[in-house]
């Protein structure tokens, strides 16, 4: 099964041009580098759905929070934050 996880853009780390940008994204405290090429409109503070290291869409905060709650309940986020 493929899974996209919502995260919040904390800052845009690198930009080769207007299309290719890398950002630090927080997934409930776990931070990862994410490619923003598919969401050129994304900016710091936005929530994005991320699949295999690439942001695939911008989502609103409420939707992102609900999705994170559901994923936590079913244990899908255990791999992100190993104990």
C-alpha atoms as a PDB file:
ATOM      1  CA  UNK A   1       0.000   0.000   0.000  1.00  0.00           C
ATOM      2  CA  UNK A   2       1.214   3.506  -0.813  1.00  0.00           C
ATOM      3  CA  UNK A   3       0.908   6.113   1.877  1.00  0.00           C
ATOM      4  CA  UNK A   4       1.281   9.889   1.797  1.00  0.00           C
ATOM      5  CA  UNK A   5       1.912  11.525   5.159  1.00  0.00           C
ATOM      6  CA  UNK A   6       1.136  15.167   5.988  1.00  0.00           C
ATOM      7  CA  UNK A   7       3.893  17.380   7.323  1.00  0.00           C
ATOM      8  CA  UNK A   8       4.528  21.068   7.910  1.00  0.00           C
ATOM      9  CA  UNK A   9       7.171  22.963   5.957  1.00  0.00           C
ATOM     10  CA  UNK A  10       9.526  24.518   8.510  1.00  0.00           C
ATOM     11  CA  UNK A  11      11.918  26.134   6.073  1.00  0.00           C
ATOM     12  CA  UNK A  12      13.029  25.915   2.492  1.00  0.00           C
ATOM     13  CA  UNK A  13      16.607  24.760   2.610  1.00  0.00           C
ATOM     14  CA  UNK A  14      17.776  24.900  -0.985  1.00  0.00           C
ATOM     15  CA  UNK A  15      16.522  26.082  -4.338  1.00  0.00           C
ATOM     16  CA  UNK A  16      18.278  25.457  -7.626  1.00  0.00           C
ATOM     17  CA  UNK A  17      15.564  27.430  -9.431  1.00  0.00           C
ATOM     18  CA  UNK A  18      11.846  28.225  -9.060  1.00  0.00           C
ATOM     19  CA  UNK A  19      10.914  24.573  -9.599  1.00  0.00           C
ATOM     20  CA  UNK A  20      13.506  22.487  -7.758  1.00  0.00           C
ATOM     21  CA  UNK A  21      13.411  23.246  -4.044  1.00  0.00           C
ATOM     22  CA  UNK A  22      14.183  21.202  -0.939  1.00  0.00           C
ATOM     23  CA  UNK A  23      12.486  21.852   2.373  1.00  0.00           C
ATOM     24  CA  UNK A  24      12.741  20.635   5.936  1.00  0.00           C
ATOM     25  CA  UNK A  25       9.347  19.218   6.821  1.00  0.00           C
ATOM     26  CA  UNK A  26       8.165  18.212  10.295  1.00  0.00           C
ATOM     27  CA  UNK A  27       5.988  15.131  10.726  1.00  0.00           C
ATOM     28  CA  UNK A  28       4.845  15.502  14.308  1.00  0.00           C
ATOM     29  CA  UNK A  29       8.374  16.313  15.457  1.00  0.00           C
ATOM     30  CA  UNK A  30      10.243  13.990  13.090  1.00  0.00           C
ATOM     31  CA  UNK A  31      12.034  16.097  10.485  1.00  0.00           C
ATOM     32  CA  UNK A  32      12.911  15.054   6.947  1.00  0.00           C
ATOM     33  CA  UNK A  33      14.154  16.702   3.752  1.00  0.00           C
ATOM     34  CA  UNK A  34      11.418  16.834   1.111  1.00  0.00           C
ATOM     35  CA  UNK A  35      11.457  17.707  -2.582  1.00  0.00           C
ATOM     36  CA  UNK A  36       8.920  20.455  -3.418  1.00  0.00           C
ATOM     37  CA  UNK A  37       9.118  20.193  -7.239  1.00  0.00           C
ATOM     38  CA  UNK A  38       5.519  18.980  -7.578  1.00  0.00           C
ATOM     39  CA  UNK A  39       4.114  21.805  -5.418  1.00  0.00           C
ATOM     40  CA  UNK A  40       5.766  25.022  -6.636  1.00  0.00           C
ATOM     41  CA  UNK A  41       3.155  27.057  -4.753  1.00  0.00           C
ATOM     42  CA  UNK A  42       4.156  25.598  -1.354  1.00  0.00           C
ATOM     43  CA  UNK A  43       5.682  27.986   1.158  1.00  0.00           C
ATOM     44  CA  UNK A  44       6.984  27.949   4.728  1.00  0.00           C
ATOM     45  CA  UNK A  45       4.153  27.127   7.138  1.00  0.00           C
ATOM     46  CA  UNK A  46       2.131  25.135   4.609  1.00  0.00           C
ATOM     47  CA  UNK A  47       1.145  21.526   5.187  1.00  0.00           C
ATOM     48  CA  UNK A  48       1.987  19.112   2.396  1.00  0.00           C
ATOM     49  CA  UNK A  49       1.261  15.455   1.696  1.00  0.00           C
ATOM     50  CA  UNK A  50       4.566  13.633   1.230  1.00  0.00           C
ATOM     51  CA  UNK A  51       5.082  10.340  -0.576  1.00  0.00           C
ATOM     52  CA  UNK A  52       8.584   8.803  -0.793  1.00  0.00           C
ATOM     53  CA  UNK A  53      10.294  12.129  -0.100  1.00  0.00           C
ATOM     54  CA  UNK A  54       8.274  14.224  -2.539  1.00  0.00           C
ATOM     55  CA  UNK A  55       5.492  16.634  -1.595  1.00  0.00           C
ATOM     56  CA  UNK A  56       2.555  15.773  -3.854  1.00  0.00           C
ATOM     57  CA  UNK A  57      -0.030  18.338  -2.720  1.00  0.00           C
ATOM     58  CA  UNK A  58      -0.667  21.192  -0.317  1.00  0.00           C
ATOM     59  CA  UNK A  59      -3.385  20.517   2.284  1.00  0.00           C
ATOM     60  CA  UNK A  60      -5.009  22.633   4.956  1.00  0.00           C
ATOM     61  CA  UNK A  61      -3.938  22.302   8.584  1.00  0.00           C
ATOM     62  CA  UNK A  62      -7.196  20.724   9.760  1.00  0.00           C
ATOM     63  CA  UNK A  63      -6.998  17.969   7.146  1.00  0.00           C
ATOM     64  CA  UNK A  64      -3.328  17.362   7.985  1.00  0.00           C
ATOM     65  CA  UNK A  65      -4.045  17.070  11.728  1.00  0.00           C
ATOM     66  CA  UNK A  66      -6.941  14.648  11.189  1.00  0.00           C
ATOM     67  CA  UNK A  67      -4.839  12.467   8.918  1.00  0.00           C
ATOM     68  CA  UNK A  68      -1.962  12.381  11.435  1.00  0.00           C
ATOM     69  CA  UNK A  69      -4.413  11.368  14.191  1.00  0.00           C
ATOM     70  CA  UNK A  70      -5.799   8.506  12.095  1.00  0.00           C
ATOM     71  CA  UNK A  71      -2.332   7.289  11.115  1.00  0.00           C
ATOM     72  CA  UNK A  72      -1.214   7.381  14.752  1.00  0.00           C
ATOM     73  CA  UNK A  73      -4.281   5.406  15.846  1.00  0.00           C
ATOM     74  CA  UNK A  74      -3.652   2.627  13.359  1.00  0.00           C
ATOM     75  CA  UNK A  75       0.083   2.517  14.070  1.00  0.00           C
ATOM     76  CA  UNK A  76       1.256   3.614  10.610  1.00  0.00           C
ATOM     77  CA  UNK A  77       3.624   6.250  12.009  1.00  0.00           C
ATOM     78  CA  UNK A  78       5.633   3.845  14.164  1.00  0.00           C
ATOM     79  CA  UNK A  79       8.328   3.584  11.472  1.00  0.00           C
ATOM     80  CA  UNK A  80       8.861   7.341  11.429  1.00  0.00           C
ATOM     81  CA  UNK A  81       9.715   7.558  15.096  1.00  0.00           C
ATOM     82  CA  UNK A  82      11.265   4.307  16.327  1.00  0.00           C
ATOM     83  CA  UNK A  83      11.560   3.984  20.112  1.00  0.00           C
END
